[in-house]
Amino acid sequence: MQRIQHAVQEYAWGSPHAIPELLGTRPTGRPQAEAWFGAHAGAPSRTEDDRPLTGVVAEDPERVLGVDVVARFGPALPYLLKVIAAERPLSLQVHPHVARAREAFEAEEAAGVPRDAPHRNYRDRNHKPELVYALTPFEAVSGFRAPRRAAELLVTLDAPLASALHALLIAQPSADGIRAAFTRLLDPATRPGPDAVAEVAAAAERRLATGSPSPRADRTVVQLQTEHPGDPGVVTSLLLNPVTLQPGEAMFVPAGGVHAYLHGVGVEIMANSDNVLRAGLTPKHVDVEELLRNVDYVAAPPIRIAPEIFHGATKVFYAPVDDFELSVTEIDDEYLHPLPGRGPRILLCLDGELEISTAHGEMLTLTRGRSAFVPAGDGPLRVQGHGRVVQADVP
């Protein structure tokens, strides 16, 4: 068990103050969008003696990860833990399925595309399902609405583009209609121009003032038009489910799920990947053809994950994947509490001061913003003190 230092990612949509305030670090004046805790090659955490966590894993994978994890995932930590702070909306995006990620990664490698090239789609071979746990009210759009519900939103928008999309959905009230409308908005051959997008946004703003069937959806359109004027992703948001997570709630986004985070601070856990396919709402590389190849068009409500409670203090969020699970333990007493979980674990203290101990008698104190990596060989953990700690582990 050893302390680790996170890696900060400075993206334009981030907040200059949210992550420093949460983790107790010094603000830089620049937007800090994500803090990474893990062993992804692109930005690994580092130990107190400044070794990358990737190197720690490589030295003795079976002791660090456990024989079972190595057998299932190979000699690599299968998850990546993050703190995310969205001051502005993120890109409209999809994460690939694992088979496509492996195939496309090898193709880009063979083509000699540098892994850090801005136009590269696949920076690793992995899929990227993810779960977000809200620390503040967290706004997003995720997954497709039922086609008839999307059609109901479009029919009262006084704009030619809205009428065209409504016709597609009425003609095919199924996944095929969603595919047709989504492709109509994004495909370079059919995508609307900025004026057509602006007309839809103006219609949504007028409808807000006169009685909208979905004020949240219309507010999202207006917000996105302000941030990314003329981008077809503005209108695409009407096809997606709006989501508001309250602090302590969690949502799972599967590979193939279209989504965009709009605003809020949360803890994310995902498969150990940085593969993001973007459709719009971003100045970054957009590859519509590759994104459309990976989209799941079946309409479904957002996947909210209800926690299971252990020992009266720990909420465990089980995602429907093998790569990760997330638990949150909150205590305020003098008792030793067992921490459920096994294998390689990362702990992040969100507030308070907590003492973590192993079955071998090793102890480590975590205060707000401090984190630690626990090898599989350290066995079960217990926690004592006053505070809240997040744990990432492998089911």
Protein backbone atom coordinates (compact mmCIF):
# COMPACT_ATOMS: atom_id res chain seq x y z
CA MET A 1 0.00 0.00 0.00
CA GLN A 2 1.47 3.33 -1.04
CA ARG A 3 0.36 6.89 -1.69
CA ILE A 4 0.07 8.01 -5.29
CA GLN A 5 -0.17 11.40 -7.00
CA HIS A 6 -2.86 11.97 -9.63
CA ALA A 7 -2.24 13.37 -13.11
CA VAL A 8 -4.19 16.49 -14.12
CA GLN A 9 -5.69 16.97 -17.58
CA GLU A 10 -6.31 20.58 -18.63
CA TYR A 11 -9.13 20.69 -21.19
CA ALA A 12 -11.04 23.82 -22.18
CA TRP A 13 -14.34 22.58 -20.71
CA GLY A 14 -12.86 22.15 -17.23
CA SER A 15 -13.12 24.31 -14.11
CA PRO A 16 -10.19 26.41 -12.80
CA HIS A 17 -11.21 25.81 -9.19
CA ALA A 18 -13.40 22.68 -8.68
CA ILE A 19 -10.66 20.02 -8.73
CA PRO A 20 -8.17 22.11 -6.68
CA GLU A 21 -10.88 22.75 -4.08
CA LEU A 22 -11.89 19.09 -3.91
CA LEU A 23 -8.35 17.67 -3.82
CA GLY A 24 -6.73 20.46 -1.79
CA THR A 25 -4.23 21.44 -4.48
CA ARG A 26 -3.06 24.82 -5.72
CA PRO A 27 -5.07 26.33 -8.60
CA THR A 28 -3.09 27.15 -11.72
CA GLY A 29 -5.57 29.61 -13.21
CA ARG A 30 -6.13 27.19 -16.10
CA PRO A 31 -9.17 24.91 -16.47
CA GLN A 32 -8.56 21.55 -14.79
CA ALA A 33 -10.99 19.10 -16.35
CA GLU A 34 -9.90 15.71 -15.03
CA ALA A 35 -7.65 14.21 -12.38
CA TRP A 36 -6.51 10.68 -13.31
CA PHE A 37 -5.79 7.99 -10.73
CA GLY A 38 -4.48 4.86 -12.40
CA ALA A 39 -2.00 3.23 -14.72
CA HIS A 40 -3.01 4.39 -18.17
CA ALA A 41 0.12 4.84 -20.28
CA GLY A 42 -1.01 8.29 -21.38
CA ALA A 43 -0.99 9.82 -17.88
CA PRO A 44 -0.14 7.35 -15.11
CA SER A 45 -0.28 8.22 -11.42
CA ARG A 46 3.08 8.35 -9.68
CA THR A 47 4.23 6.96 -6.36
CA GLU A 48 5.87 9.00 -3.60
CA ASP A 49 9.30 8.03 -4.98
CA ASP A 50 8.15 9.30 -8.42
CA ARG A 51 7.73 5.95 -10.13
CA PRO A 52 4.86 5.68 -12.64
CA LEU A 53 2.17 3.26 -11.52
CA THR A 54 2.54 1.53 -14.89
CA GLY A 55 6.08 0.60 -13.84
CA VAL A 56 4.95 -0.67 -10.44
CA VAL A 57 2.46 -2.98 -12.15
CA ALA A 58 5.03 -4.18 -14.70
CA GLU A 59 7.56 -5.18 -12.01
CA ASP A 60 5.38 -7.97 -10.60
CA PRO A 61 1.94 -8.17 -12.24
CA GLU A 62 0.72 -11.26 -10.40
CA ARG A 63 1.50 -9.84 -6.95
CA VAL A 64 0.27 -6.35 -7.75
CA LEU A 65 -2.83 -7.28 -9.76
CA GLY A 66 -3.53 -10.83 -8.60
CA VAL A 67 -3.39 -14.03 -10.61
CA ASP A 68 -7.10 -13.83 -11.45
CA VAL A 69 -6.91 -10.27 -12.81
CA VAL A 70 -3.83 -11.07 -14.92
CA ALA A 71 -5.57 -14.14 -16.33
CA ARG A 72 -8.61 -12.08 -17.32
CA PHE A 73 -7.07 -8.78 -18.42
CA GLY A 74 -3.37 -9.37 -18.91
CA PRO A 75 -0.60 -7.55 -16.99
CA ALA A 76 -2.39 -4.18 -16.79
CA LEU A 77 -4.67 -2.45 -14.30
CA PRO A 78 -8.11 -2.90 -15.90
CA TYR A 79 -9.69 0.37 -14.75
CA LEU A 80 -9.03 4.11 -14.58
CA LEU A 81 -10.42 6.30 -11.78
CA LYS A 82 -11.00 10.03 -12.36
CA VAL A 83 -12.39 13.16 -10.84
CA ILE A 84 -14.18 15.14 -13.54
CA ALA A 85 -15.16 18.82 -13.33
CA ALA A 86 -17.30 20.05 -16.23
CA GLU A 87 -17.70 23.82 -16.19
CA ARG A 88 -18.87 23.71 -19.82
CA PRO A 89 -20.42 20.89 -21.90
CA LEU A 90 -18.20 18.08 -23.10
CA SER A 91 -18.27 16.79 -26.65
CA LEU A 92 -21.08 14.62 -27.99
CA GLN A 93 -19.33 11.26 -27.93
CA VAL A 94 -19.34 7.48 -28.01
CA HIS A 95 -16.86 4.97 -26.63
CA PRO A 96 -16.05 1.93 -28.78
CA HIS A 97 -16.78 -1.72 -28.20
CA VAL A 98 -13.70 -3.80 -27.40
CA ALA A 99 -13.60 -5.76 -30.67
CA ARG A 100 -13.64 -2.58 -32.75
CA ALA A 101 -11.11 -0.89 -30.47
CA ARG A 102 -8.63 -3.73 -30.97
CA GLU A 103 -9.13 -3.84 -34.72
CA ALA A 104 -8.93 -0.07 -35.25
CA PHE A 105 -5.99 0.40 -32.87
CA GLU A 106 -3.93 -2.10 -34.83
CA ALA A 107 -4.92 -0.42 -38.10
CA GLU A 108 -3.76 2.99 -36.85
CA GLU A 109 -0.55 1.44 -35.53
CA ALA A 110 0.12 -0.19 -38.91
CA ALA A 111 -0.54 3.13 -40.64
CA GLY A 112 2.07 4.79 -38.45
CA VAL A 113 -0.29 7.31 -36.84
CA PRO A 114 1.44 8.61 -33.67
CA ARG A 115 -0.50 7.71 -30.53
CA ASP A 116 -0.55 11.35 -29.43
CA ALA A 117 -1.65 12.69 -32.84
CA PRO A 118 -4.72 14.96 -32.53
CA HIS A 119 -6.48 13.09 -35.36
CA ARG A 120 -5.93 9.63 -33.91
CA ASN A 121 -9.12 7.86 -32.77
CA TYR A 122 -7.74 4.87 -30.87
CA ARG A 123 -4.99 5.43 -28.32
CA ASP A 124 -5.27 1.92 -26.87
CA ARG A 125 -6.89 -1.46 -27.57
CA ASN A 126 -9.64 -1.24 -24.97
CA HIS A 127 -13.33 -0.44 -24.74
CA LYS A 128 -14.43 2.34 -22.39
CA PRO A 129 -17.66 1.71 -20.53
CA GLU A 130 -17.87 4.15 -17.62
CA LEU A 131 -19.75 5.01 -14.46
CA VAL A 132 -20.07 8.53 -13.05
CA TYR A 133 -20.84 9.19 -9.36
CA ALA A 134 -22.10 12.72 -8.75
CA LEU A 135 -20.45 14.92 -6.12
CA THR A 136 -22.53 17.97 -7.11
CA PRO A 137 -25.73 18.16 -9.17
CA PHE A 138 -24.58 16.67 -12.46
CA GLU A 139 -26.27 17.35 -15.80
CA ALA A 140 -25.92 15.17 -18.89
CA VAL A 141 -27.64 13.72 -21.92
CA SER A 142 -27.28 9.97 -22.36
CA GLY A 143 -28.81 7.34 -24.63
CA PHE A 144 -31.58 7.76 -27.17
CA ARG A 145 -35.14 8.70 -26.29
CA ALA A 146 -37.97 6.50 -27.50
CA PRO A 147 -38.57 7.52 -31.15
CA ARG A 148 -42.16 8.63 -30.51
CA ARG A 149 -41.07 10.76 -27.56
CA ALA A 150 -38.39 12.45 -29.66
CA ALA A 151 -40.98 13.03 -32.38
CA GLU A 152 -43.29 14.70 -29.84
CA LEU A 153 -40.54 17.15 -28.94
CA LEU A 154 -39.80 18.00 -32.57
CA VAL A 155 -43.34 18.43 -33.86
CA THR A 156 -43.98 21.72 -32.02
CA LEU A 157 -40.64 23.28 -32.91
CA ASP A 158 -41.23 25.82 -35.66
CA ALA A 159 -38.15 25.13 -37.76
CA PRO A 160 -37.71 23.27 -41.08
CA LEU A 161 -34.95 21.02 -39.71
CA ALA A 162 -37.14 19.95 -36.79
CA SER A 163 -39.94 19.09 -39.24
CA ALA A 164 -37.59 16.99 -41.36
CA LEU A 165 -36.37 15.02 -38.35
CA HIS A 166 -39.94 14.57 -37.12
CA ALA A 167 -40.90 13.07 -40.48
CA LEU A 168 -38.05 10.55 -40.29
CA LEU A 169 -39.10 9.41 -36.83
CA ILE A 170 -42.80 9.13 -37.68
CA ALA A 171 -42.01 7.13 -40.81
CA GLN A 172 -39.87 4.70 -38.79
CA PRO A 173 -40.78 4.75 -35.07
CA SER A 174 -37.96 2.34 -34.24
CA ALA A 175 -34.19 2.14 -33.93
CA ASP A 176 -34.09 2.61 -37.72
CA GLY A 177 -35.80 5.99 -37.38
CA ILE A 178 -33.36 7.06 -34.67
CA ARG A 179 -30.47 5.95 -36.89
CA ALA A 180 -31.91 7.93 -39.82
CA ALA A 181 -32.39 11.12 -37.78
CA PHE A 182 -29.01 10.85 -36.03
CA THR A 183 -27.21 10.20 -39.33
CA ARG A 184 -29.11 13.03 -41.04
CA LEU A 185 -27.70 15.44 -38.45
CA LEU A 186 -24.10 14.22 -38.48
CA ASP A 187 -23.23 12.74 -41.88
CA PRO A 188 -21.19 15.27 -43.91
CA ALA A 189 -23.45 14.63 -46.92
CA THR A 190 -26.63 15.64 -45.09
CA ARG A 191 -25.63 17.60 -41.99
CA PRO A 192 -27.46 20.93 -41.58
CA GLY A 193 -25.73 24.25 -41.88
CA PRO A 194 -25.33 26.71 -39.01
CA ASP A 195 -28.43 28.69 -40.01
CA ALA A 196 -30.67 25.61 -39.84
CA VAL A 197 -29.28 24.75 -36.40
CA ALA A 198 -29.79 28.33 -35.22
CA GLU A 199 -33.44 28.20 -36.35
CA VAL A 200 -34.06 25.15 -34.16
CA ALA A 201 -32.35 26.81 -31.19
CA ALA A 202 -34.42 29.97 -31.68
CA ALA A 203 -37.59 27.88 -31.84
CA ALA A 204 -36.62 26.10 -28.61
CA GLU A 205 -36.05 29.45 -26.93
CA ARG A 206 -39.47 30.71 -28.06
CA ARG A 207 -41.10 27.51 -26.85
CA LEU A 208 -39.50 27.91 -23.43
CA ALA A 209 -41.31 31.22 -23.06
CA THR A 210 -44.71 29.87 -24.15
CA GLY A 211 -44.88 26.43 -22.50
CA SER A 212 -42.41 23.74 -23.44
CA PRO A 213 -43.26 20.01 -23.27
CA SER A 214 -39.70 19.51 -21.98
CA PRO A 215 -38.12 22.69 -20.55
CA ARG A 216 -34.93 20.83 -19.69
CA ALA A 217 -34.49 19.64 -23.29
CA ASP A 218 -35.09 23.11 -24.68
CA ARG A 219 -32.74 24.72 -22.15
CA THR A 220 -30.07 22.25 -23.22
CA VAL A 221 -30.53 23.22 -26.87
CA VAL A 222 -30.22 26.92 -26.02
CA GLN A 223 -27.17 26.29 -23.82
CA LEU A 224 -25.39 24.21 -26.46
CA GLN A 225 -26.16 26.77 -29.18
CA THR A 226 -24.54 29.44 -26.98
CA GLU A 227 -21.43 27.29 -26.44
CA HIS A 228 -21.18 25.79 -29.95
CA PRO A 229 -23.25 27.94 -32.34
CA GLY A 230 -24.34 26.14 -35.47
CA ASP A 231 -23.04 22.71 -34.46
CA PRO A 232 -25.50 19.91 -35.40
CA GLY A 233 -24.83 18.38 -31.98
CA VAL A 234 -27.06 21.15 -30.61
CA VAL A 235 -30.08 19.58 -32.32
CA THR A 236 -28.90 16.02 -31.69
CA SER A 237 -29.44 16.61 -27.97
CA LEU A 238 -33.22 16.49 -28.63
CA LEU A 239 -32.86 12.82 -29.56
CA LEU A 240 -31.19 11.99 -26.24
CA ASN A 241 -32.41 11.47 -22.68
CA PRO A 242 -31.78 14.38 -20.29
CA VAL A 243 -30.25 13.30 -16.98
CA THR A 244 -29.80 15.06 -13.65
CA LEU A 245 -27.83 13.20 -10.99
CA GLN A 246 -28.05 14.46 -7.43
CA PRO A 247 -24.97 14.11 -5.19
CA GLY A 248 -24.53 10.44 -4.32
CA GLU A 249 -26.31 9.14 -7.45
CA ALA A 250 -24.56 7.20 -10.21
CA MET A 251 -25.08 6.51 -13.91
CA PHE A 252 -23.50 3.89 -16.17
CA VAL A 253 -22.69 4.60 -19.83
CA PRO A 254 -22.03 1.44 -21.88
CA ALA A 255 -19.78 1.20 -24.90
CA GLY A 256 -21.78 2.42 -27.88
CA GLY A 257 -23.89 4.78 -25.78
CA VAL A 258 -24.15 8.33 -27.13
CA HIS A 259 -23.73 10.89 -24.36
CA ALA A 260 -22.47 14.31 -23.36
CA TYR A 261 -21.79 15.59 -19.86
CA LEU A 262 -23.02 19.17 -19.52
CA HIS A 263 -22.11 20.44 -16.07
CA GLY A 264 -21.06 19.18 -12.66
CA VAL A 265 -18.35 17.52 -10.59
CA GLY A 266 -18.14 13.78 -10.13
CA VAL A 267 -16.01 10.71 -9.71
CA GLU A 268 -15.71 8.55 -12.82
CA ILE A 269 -14.54 4.99 -13.15
CA MET A 270 -14.05 3.32 -16.50
CA ALA A 271 -12.20 0.60 -18.31
CA ASN A 272 -8.54 1.56 -18.65
CA SER A 273 -8.89 3.46 -21.92
CA ASP A 274 -8.76 6.91 -23.47
CA ASN A 275 -10.67 6.00 -26.64
CA VAL A 276 -13.22 8.72 -27.41
CA LEU A 277 -15.10 9.06 -30.70
CA ARG A 278 -16.56 12.56 -31.07
CA ALA A 279 -19.51 13.70 -33.15
CA GLY A 280 -19.44 17.40 -32.38
CA LEU A 281 -19.69 20.11 -29.69
CA THR A 282 -15.90 20.25 -29.58
CA PRO A 283 -12.88 21.82 -31.29
CA LYS A 284 -11.16 18.42 -31.07
CA HIS A 285 -10.95 15.80 -33.82
CA VAL A 286 -14.34 14.60 -35.08
CA ASP A 287 -14.70 11.37 -37.06
CA VAL A 288 -18.39 10.93 -37.82
CA GLU A 289 -17.94 7.81 -39.93
CA GLU A 290 -16.08 5.98 -37.15
CA LEU A 291 -18.49 7.18 -34.51
CA LEU A 292 -21.52 5.97 -36.47
CA ARG A 293 -19.87 2.56 -36.77
CA ASN A 294 -19.92 2.21 -32.97
CA VAL A 295 -23.32 3.66 -32.00
CA ASP A 296 -26.03 1.59 -30.33
CA TYR A 297 -29.33 2.99 -31.69
CA VAL A 298 -31.72 1.11 -29.42
CA ALA A 299 -33.71 3.58 -27.31
CA ALA A 300 -33.29 3.07 -23.58
CA PRO A 301 -33.52 5.19 -20.43
CA PRO A 302 -30.28 6.24 -18.73
CA ILE A 303 -28.78 3.41 -16.69
CA ARG A 304 -28.89 4.57 -13.09
CA ILE A 305 -27.03 2.25 -10.72
CA ALA A 306 -28.51 1.77 -7.25
CA PRO A 307 -25.89 0.89 -4.64
CA GLU A 308 -25.80 -2.11 -2.35
CA ILE A 309 -25.02 -1.31 1.30
CA PHE A 310 -22.31 -3.18 3.22
CA HIS A 311 -21.57 -2.95 6.95
CA GLY A 312 -23.82 0.09 7.26
CA ALA A 313 -21.13 2.40 5.92
CA THR A 314 -20.22 1.39 2.36
CA LYS A 315 -22.26 1.84 -0.82
CA VAL A 316 -21.05 -0.37 -3.67
CA PHE A 317 -22.03 0.49 -7.25
CA TYR A 318 -21.87 -2.62 -9.39
CA ALA A 319 -21.59 -1.79 -13.09
CA PRO A 320 -22.57 -4.50 -15.63
CA VAL A 321 -18.95 -5.02 -16.75
CA ASP A 322 -16.01 -7.06 -15.47
CA ASP A 323 -13.43 -4.25 -15.52
CA PHE A 324 -14.37 -2.27 -12.41
CA GLU A 325 -16.64 -1.49 -9.49
CA LEU A 326 -16.86 1.59 -7.31
CA SER A 327 -17.58 1.91 -3.60
CA VAL A 328 -18.03 4.92 -1.33
CA THR A 329 -17.49 4.54 2.42
CA GLU A 330 -18.51 7.24 4.88
CA ILE A 331 -17.79 6.87 8.60
CA ASP A 332 -17.87 9.12 11.64
CA ASP A 333 -16.97 6.96 14.64
CA GLU A 334 -14.01 5.23 16.29
CA TYR A 335 -14.72 1.72 15.03
CA LEU A 336 -12.76 -0.27 12.45
CA HIS A 337 -14.90 -0.86 9.37
CA PRO A 338 -14.09 -3.51 6.75
CA LEU A 339 -13.76 -2.21 3.20
CA PRO A 340 -15.40 -4.59 0.72
CA GLY A 341 -13.42 -5.18 -2.44
CA ARG A 342 -10.43 -7.15 -3.58
CA GLY A 343 -7.62 -7.24 -6.09
CA PRO A 344 -5.75 -4.07 -7.04
CA ARG A 345 -7.47 -1.08 -5.43
CA ILE A 346 -7.19 2.70 -5.60
CA LEU A 347 -8.45 4.76 -2.68
CA LEU A 348 -9.28 8.47 -2.82
CA CYS A 349 -10.22 10.41 0.31
CA LEU A 350 -12.93 12.97 -0.49
CA ASP A 351 -13.01 14.57 2.95
CA GLY A 352 -11.95 14.05 6.55
CA GLU A 353 -9.05 11.94 7.81
CA LEU A 354 -9.05 8.16 7.59
CA GLU A 355 -6.62 5.44 8.61
CA ILE A 356 -6.42 2.49 6.24
CA SER A 357 -4.97 -0.79 7.51
CA THR A 358 -4.19 -4.14 5.89
CA ALA A 359 -4.50 -7.63 7.31
CA HIS A 360 -0.67 -7.62 7.66
CA GLY A 361 -0.71 -4.64 10.03
CA GLU A 362 0.40 -2.01 7.51
CA MET A 363 -1.29 1.37 8.05
CA LEU A 364 -1.62 4.55 6.00
CA THR A 365 -3.43 7.83 6.74
CA LEU A 366 -5.40 9.59 3.99
CA THR A 367 -6.69 13.15 4.23
CA ARG A 368 -8.82 15.11 1.77
CA GLY A 369 -7.55 14.77 -1.78
CA ARG A 370 -4.91 12.16 -0.99
CA SER A 371 -4.95 8.79 -2.73
CA ALA A 372 -3.29 5.39 -2.45
CA PHE A 373 -2.74 2.25 -4.49
CA VAL A 374 -3.24 -1.11 -2.80
CA PRO A 375 -1.78 -4.21 -4.51
CA ALA A 376 -3.86 -7.38 -4.56
CA GLY A 377 -1.26 -9.05 -2.35
CA ASP A 378 -2.10 -6.72 0.55
CA GLY A 379 -5.39 -8.55 1.10
CA PRO A 380 -8.47 -7.20 2.89
CA LEU A 381 -8.60 -3.60 4.13
CA ARG A 382 -10.17 -1.87 7.12
CA VAL A 383 -10.80 1.83 7.65
CA GLN A 384 -11.13 3.97 10.78
CA GLY A 385 -11.67 7.67 11.40
CA HIS A 386 -13.98 10.42 10.22
CA GLY A 387 -14.52 11.06 6.53
CA ARG A 388 -15.42 9.66 3.13
CA VAL A 389 -13.31 7.51 0.84
CA VAL A 390 -13.91 6.25 -2.69
CA GLN A 391 -12.50 2.86 -3.68
CA ALA A 392 -11.98 1.45 -7.17
CA ASP A 393 -11.47 -2.29 -7.49
CA VAL A 394 -12.03 -5.26 -9.81
CA PRO A 395 -15.09 -7.49 -9.31
